[in-house]
Amino acid sequence: MYVSPPKDAGPSNRIFPCTACGACCRNLSHSPLYASLDRGDGICRHFDTGTNLCRIYEIRPKICRVTEMFEAFEDRLTWEEYVDLNWQSCRELRARTHTSESGVNRKE
């Protein structure tokens, strides 16, 4: 699943392999960290259910940016460990929403 960046890759070259399935945007009620984004039914208020994409992707909050959020954990986890934990969460959320892994790959 995860492909390591080159050894000399800095944080700006790290890419979380998002499949844009929308499962994280459809399950905000599972974490109090996203309460301000929840439109009341567990779905992000910026998520377009028709296109399965974020309407404010380019200016989305830092908490929605997996790569940037790594800064909060890099003193305790390697990038690979962090990605593995995020993938575990992705799999659990997809199982809850029965979404597929097919989708557009995105850079974080």
N, C-alpha and C. Protein backbone atom coordinates (compact mmCIF):
# COMPACT_ATOMS: atom_id res chain seq x y z
N MET A 1 0.81 -1.19 0.00
CA MET A 1 0.00 0.00 0.00
C MET A 1 0.86 1.26 0.00
N TYR A 2 1.66 1.44 1.05
CA TYR A 2 2.45 2.65 1.19
C TYR A 2 3.79 2.49 0.49
N VAL A 3 4.18 3.48 -0.27
CA VAL A 3 5.48 3.49 -0.93
C VAL A 3 6.32 4.55 -0.24
N SER A 4 7.48 4.13 0.29
CA SER A 4 8.35 5.07 0.98
C SER A 4 8.90 6.12 0.04
N PRO A 5 9.01 7.35 0.53
CA PRO A 5 9.65 8.39 -0.26
C PRO A 5 11.15 8.14 -0.30
N PRO A 6 11.87 8.79 -1.20
CA PRO A 6 13.32 8.65 -1.21
C PRO A 6 13.92 9.02 0.13
N LYS A 7 15.08 8.47 0.46
CA LYS A 7 15.71 8.72 1.76
C LYS A 7 15.91 10.20 2.04
N ASP A 8 16.15 11.01 1.00
CA ASP A 8 16.39 12.43 1.20
C ASP A 8 15.11 13.26 1.13
N ALA A 9 13.97 12.59 1.08
CA ALA A 9 12.70 13.32 0.98
C ALA A 9 12.38 14.00 2.31
N GLY A 10 12.08 15.25 2.25
CA GLY A 10 11.68 16.00 3.43
C GLY A 10 10.17 15.90 3.61
N PRO A 11 9.63 16.54 4.64
CA PRO A 11 8.20 16.50 4.90
C PRO A 11 7.34 16.94 3.71
N SER A 12 7.84 17.87 2.91
CA SER A 12 7.04 18.35 1.78
C SER A 12 6.91 17.30 0.69
N ASN A 13 7.76 16.28 0.70
CA ASN A 13 7.70 15.22 -0.31
C ASN A 13 6.90 14.01 0.16
N ARG A 14 6.42 14.05 1.38
CA ARG A 14 5.64 12.93 1.90
C ARG A 14 4.22 13.03 1.38
N ILE A 15 3.71 11.92 0.92
CA ILE A 15 2.35 11.88 0.37
C ILE A 15 1.58 10.76 1.05
N PHE A 16 0.44 11.10 1.60
CA PHE A 16 -0.44 10.06 2.14
C PHE A 16 -1.25 9.52 0.98
N PRO A 17 -1.25 8.22 0.78
CA PRO A 17 -1.92 7.61 -0.37
C PRO A 17 -3.44 7.53 -0.22
N CYS A 18 -4.09 8.67 -0.21
CA CYS A 18 -5.54 8.75 -0.06
C CYS A 18 -6.22 8.25 -1.33
N THR A 19 -7.29 7.48 -1.16
CA THR A 19 -8.05 6.99 -2.30
C THR A 19 -9.29 7.82 -2.57
N ALA A 20 -9.50 8.87 -1.79
CA ALA A 20 -10.65 9.77 -1.94
C ALA A 20 -11.98 9.02 -1.89
N CYS A 21 -12.07 8.05 -0.99
CA CYS A 21 -13.31 7.29 -0.85
C CYS A 21 -14.37 8.05 -0.07
N GLY A 22 -13.95 9.06 0.72
CA GLY A 22 -14.90 9.86 1.48
C GLY A 22 -15.29 9.30 2.83
N ALA A 23 -14.76 8.14 3.20
CA ALA A 23 -15.16 7.52 4.46
C ALA A 23 -14.82 8.39 5.67
N CYS A 24 -13.68 9.05 5.64
CA CYS A 24 -13.32 9.90 6.79
C CYS A 24 -14.26 11.10 6.88
N CYS A 25 -14.69 11.62 5.75
CA CYS A 25 -15.59 12.78 5.73
C CYS A 25 -17.02 12.41 6.09
N ARG A 26 -17.35 11.14 6.02
CA ARG A 26 -18.70 10.66 6.33
C ARG A 26 -18.83 10.12 7.75
N ASN A 27 -17.74 10.12 8.51
CA ASN A 27 -17.75 9.52 9.84
C ASN A 27 -17.19 10.44 10.91
N LEU A 28 -17.48 11.72 10.85
CA LEU A 28 -16.93 12.67 11.81
C LEU A 28 -17.42 12.43 13.22
N SER A 29 -18.57 11.84 13.36
CA SER A 29 -19.14 11.64 14.69
C SER A 29 -18.34 10.65 15.54
N HIS A 30 -17.38 9.97 14.94
CA HIS A 30 -16.57 9.00 15.68
C HIS A 30 -15.39 9.65 16.38
N SER A 31 -15.20 10.97 16.20
CA SER A 31 -14.10 11.66 16.85
C SER A 31 -14.53 13.08 17.23
N PRO A 32 -14.35 13.44 18.51
CA PRO A 32 -14.71 14.80 18.93
C PRO A 32 -13.82 15.87 18.29
N LEU A 33 -12.69 15.47 17.73
CA LEU A 33 -11.79 16.43 17.08
C LEU A 33 -12.43 17.12 15.88
N TYR A 34 -13.43 16.47 15.28
CA TYR A 34 -14.05 17.00 14.08
C TYR A 34 -15.44 17.58 14.31
N ALA A 35 -15.81 17.78 15.56
CA ALA A 35 -17.16 18.24 15.90
C ALA A 35 -17.54 19.53 15.19
N SER A 36 -16.61 20.44 15.04
CA SER A 36 -16.93 21.73 14.40
C SER A 36 -17.21 21.59 12.91
N LEU A 37 -16.81 20.48 12.32
CA LEU A 37 -17.04 20.26 10.88
C LEU A 37 -18.29 19.42 10.61
N ASP A 38 -18.82 18.80 11.65
CA ASP A 38 -19.98 17.91 11.51
C ASP A 38 -21.24 18.74 11.22
N ARG A 39 -21.92 18.40 10.14
CA ARG A 39 -23.14 19.14 9.79
C ARG A 39 -24.36 18.64 10.59
N GLY A 40 -24.13 17.70 11.49
CA GLY A 40 -25.20 17.21 12.36
C GLY A 40 -25.54 15.75 12.15
N ASP A 41 -25.05 15.18 11.06
CA ASP A 41 -25.33 13.76 10.79
C ASP A 41 -24.06 12.94 10.65
N GLY A 42 -22.94 13.49 11.13
CA GLY A 42 -21.67 12.78 11.05
C GLY A 42 -20.91 13.05 9.77
N ILE A 43 -21.51 13.78 8.85
CA ILE A 43 -20.86 14.10 7.57
C ILE A 43 -20.32 15.52 7.63
N CYS A 44 -19.13 15.71 7.08
CA CYS A 44 -18.51 17.02 7.08
C CYS A 44 -19.35 18.01 6.28
N ARG A 45 -19.47 19.21 6.80
CA ARG A 45 -20.27 20.25 6.13
C ARG A 45 -19.64 20.71 4.83
N HIS A 46 -18.38 20.35 4.58
CA HIS A 46 -17.71 20.72 3.33
C HIS A 46 -17.65 19.57 2.33
N PHE A 47 -18.20 18.43 2.69
CA PHE A 47 -18.16 17.25 1.83
C PHE A 47 -19.33 17.27 0.86
N ASP A 48 -19.03 17.10 -0.41
CA ASP A 48 -20.05 17.04 -1.45
C ASP A 48 -20.40 15.57 -1.69
N THR A 49 -21.56 15.15 -1.22
CA THR A 49 -21.96 13.74 -1.35
C THR A 49 -22.22 13.35 -2.80
N GLY A 50 -22.44 14.31 -3.66
CA GLY A 50 -22.66 14.02 -5.08
C GLY A 50 -21.38 13.66 -5.81
N THR A 51 -20.31 14.40 -5.52
CA THR A 51 -19.04 14.15 -6.19
C THR A 51 -18.09 13.32 -5.34
N ASN A 52 -18.41 13.17 -4.05
CA ASN A 52 -17.56 12.45 -3.11
C ASN A 52 -16.24 13.19 -2.86
N LEU A 53 -16.26 14.51 -3.01
CA LEU A 53 -15.06 15.32 -2.84
C LEU A 53 -15.30 16.47 -1.86
N CYS A 54 -14.21 17.02 -1.36
CA CYS A 54 -14.27 18.16 -0.47
C CYS A 54 -14.47 19.43 -1.29
N ARG A 55 -15.42 20.26 -0.88
CA ARG A 55 -15.68 21.51 -1.60
C ARG A 55 -14.63 22.57 -1.30
N ILE A 56 -13.86 22.39 -0.22
CA ILE A 56 -12.83 23.38 0.13
C ILE A 56 -11.46 22.71 0.21
N TYR A 57 -11.23 21.71 -0.60
CA TYR A 57 -10.02 20.89 -0.51
C TYR A 57 -8.74 21.71 -0.41
N GLU A 58 -8.57 22.71 -1.23
CA GLU A 58 -7.34 23.50 -1.24
C GLU A 58 -7.15 24.32 0.03
N ILE A 59 -8.23 24.64 0.73
CA ILE A 59 -8.13 25.44 1.95
C ILE A 59 -8.70 24.71 3.17
N ARG A 60 -8.79 23.39 3.10
CA ARG A 60 -9.35 22.60 4.20
C ARG A 60 -8.52 22.79 5.47
N PRO A 61 -9.14 22.56 6.63
CA PRO A 61 -8.44 22.73 7.90
C PRO A 61 -7.23 21.79 8.03
N LYS A 62 -6.27 22.20 8.84
CA LYS A 62 -5.07 21.40 9.03
C LYS A 62 -5.41 20.00 9.53
N ILE A 63 -6.43 19.88 10.37
CA ILE A 63 -6.80 18.57 10.91
C ILE A 63 -7.21 17.59 9.80
N CYS A 64 -7.57 18.10 8.65
CA CYS A 64 -7.95 17.27 7.51
C CYS A 64 -6.76 16.96 6.60
N ARG A 65 -5.62 17.47 6.92
CA ARG A 65 -4.40 17.30 6.11
C ARG A 65 -3.49 16.30 6.80
N VAL A 66 -3.57 15.06 6.38
CA VAL A 66 -2.83 13.98 7.03
C VAL A 66 -1.33 14.28 7.09
N THR A 67 -0.77 14.73 6.00
CA THR A 67 0.67 14.99 5.96
C THR A 67 1.07 16.08 6.94
N GLU A 68 0.33 17.17 6.97
CA GLU A 68 0.66 18.26 7.89
C GLU A 68 0.44 17.87 9.34
N MET A 69 -0.54 17.04 9.61
CA MET A 69 -0.80 16.63 10.99
C MET A 69 0.30 15.72 11.53
N PHE A 70 1.11 15.15 10.66
CA PHE A 70 2.22 14.32 11.10
C PHE A 70 3.16 15.10 12.01
N GLU A 71 3.25 16.40 11.82
CA GLU A 71 4.12 17.24 12.65
C GLU A 71 3.82 17.06 14.14
N ALA A 72 2.58 16.81 14.48
CA ALA A 72 2.19 16.63 15.88
C ALA A 72 2.64 15.29 16.45
N PHE A 73 3.03 14.35 15.58
CA PHE A 73 3.37 13.00 16.02
C PHE A 73 4.80 12.58 15.69
N GLU A 74 5.53 13.38 14.93
CA GLU A 74 6.83 12.94 14.43
C GLU A 74 7.87 12.72 15.51
N ASP A 75 7.63 13.22 16.72
CA ASP A 75 8.56 12.94 17.81
C ASP A 75 8.30 11.57 18.43
N ARG A 76 7.17 10.93 18.07
CA ARG A 76 6.82 9.63 18.63
C ARG A 76 6.68 8.52 17.60
N LEU A 77 6.44 8.89 16.34
CA LEU A 77 6.20 7.90 15.29
C LEU A 77 7.04 8.20 14.06
N THR A 78 7.42 7.16 13.35
CA THR A 78 8.03 7.38 12.05
C THR A 78 6.91 7.68 11.06
N TRP A 79 7.24 8.21 9.90
CA TRP A 79 6.25 8.47 8.86
C TRP A 79 5.51 7.18 8.50
N GLU A 80 6.25 6.09 8.37
CA GLU A 80 5.66 4.80 8.00
C GLU A 80 4.66 4.33 9.06
N GLU A 81 5.02 4.47 10.35
CA GLU A 81 4.11 4.09 11.43
C GLU A 81 2.85 4.95 11.42
N TYR A 82 3.04 6.23 11.18
CA TYR A 82 1.92 7.17 11.12
C TYR A 82 0.98 6.83 9.97
N VAL A 83 1.53 6.54 8.81
CA VAL A 83 0.72 6.16 7.66
C VAL A 83 -0.01 4.85 7.93
N ASP A 84 0.68 3.89 8.53
CA ASP A 84 0.04 2.61 8.85
C ASP A 84 -1.15 2.81 9.80
N LEU A 85 -1.00 3.66 10.81
CA LEU A 85 -2.11 3.94 11.73
C LEU A 85 -3.27 4.62 11.01
N ASN A 86 -2.95 5.56 10.13
CA ASN A 86 -4.00 6.22 9.36
C ASN A 86 -4.70 5.24 8.42
N TRP A 87 -3.94 4.34 7.81
CA TRP A 87 -4.56 3.33 6.93
C TRP A 87 -5.47 2.40 7.72
N GLN A 88 -5.05 2.07 8.95
CA GLN A 88 -5.90 1.23 9.80
C GLN A 88 -7.23 1.95 10.06
N SER A 89 -7.17 3.22 10.37
CA SER A 89 -8.39 4.00 10.58
C SER A 89 -9.22 4.05 9.31
N CYS A 90 -8.57 4.24 8.17
CA CYS A 90 -9.29 4.28 6.89
C CYS A 90 -10.05 2.97 6.65
N ARG A 91 -9.37 1.86 6.89
CA ARG A 91 -10.03 0.56 6.67
C ARG A 91 -11.25 0.41 7.58
N GLU A 92 -11.13 0.82 8.84
CA GLU A 92 -12.25 0.72 9.77
C GLU A 92 -13.41 1.62 9.35
N LEU A 93 -13.09 2.83 8.91
CA LEU A 93 -14.15 3.74 8.48
C LEU A 93 -14.82 3.25 7.20
N ARG A 94 -14.04 2.72 6.27
CA ARG A 94 -14.63 2.18 5.03
C ARG A 94 -15.53 1.01 5.34
N ALA A 95 -15.13 0.18 6.31
CA ALA A 95 -15.97 -0.96 6.69
C ALA A 95 -17.30 -0.48 7.28
N ARG A 96 -17.27 0.63 8.02
CA ARG A 96 -18.49 1.18 8.61
C ARG A 96 -19.43 1.76 7.54
N THR A 97 -18.86 2.33 6.51
CA THR A 97 -19.68 2.98 5.50
C THR A 97 -19.82 2.15 4.23
N HIS A 98 -19.14 1.02 4.21
CA HIS A 98 -19.19 0.12 3.05
C HIS A 98 -18.76 0.82 1.76
N THR A 99 -17.78 1.73 1.89
CA THR A 99 -17.27 2.38 0.69
C THR A 99 -16.13 1.56 0.12
N SER A 100 -15.89 1.71 -1.14
CA SER A 100 -14.82 0.96 -1.79
C SER A 100 -13.52 1.74 -1.72
N GLU A 101 -12.43 1.09 -2.03
CA GLU A 101 -11.14 1.75 -2.06
C GLU A 101 -10.90 2.42 -3.41
N SER A 102 -11.78 2.23 -4.35
CA SER A 102 -11.58 2.87 -5.65
C SER A 102 -11.85 4.36 -5.53
N GLY A 103 -11.09 5.10 -6.23
CA GLY A 103 -11.25 6.54 -6.17
C GLY A 103 -10.03 7.22 -6.76
N VAL A 104 -10.03 8.51 -6.70
CA VAL A 104 -8.93 9.28 -7.24
C VAL A 104 -7.85 9.40 -6.18
N ASN A 105 -6.62 9.05 -6.53
CA ASN A 105 -5.52 9.24 -5.59
C ASN A 105 -5.25 10.72 -5.44
N ARG A 106 -4.96 11.11 -4.21
CA ARG A 106 -4.77 12.52 -3.91
C ARG A 106 -3.47 12.73 -3.18
N LYS A 107 -2.85 13.86 -3.41
CA LYS A 107 -1.71 14.27 -2.60
C LYS A 107 -2.29 15.01 -1.41
N GLU A 108 -1.70 14.83 -0.26
CA GLU A 108 -2.12 15.55 0.93
C GLU A 108 -1.35 16.82 1.07
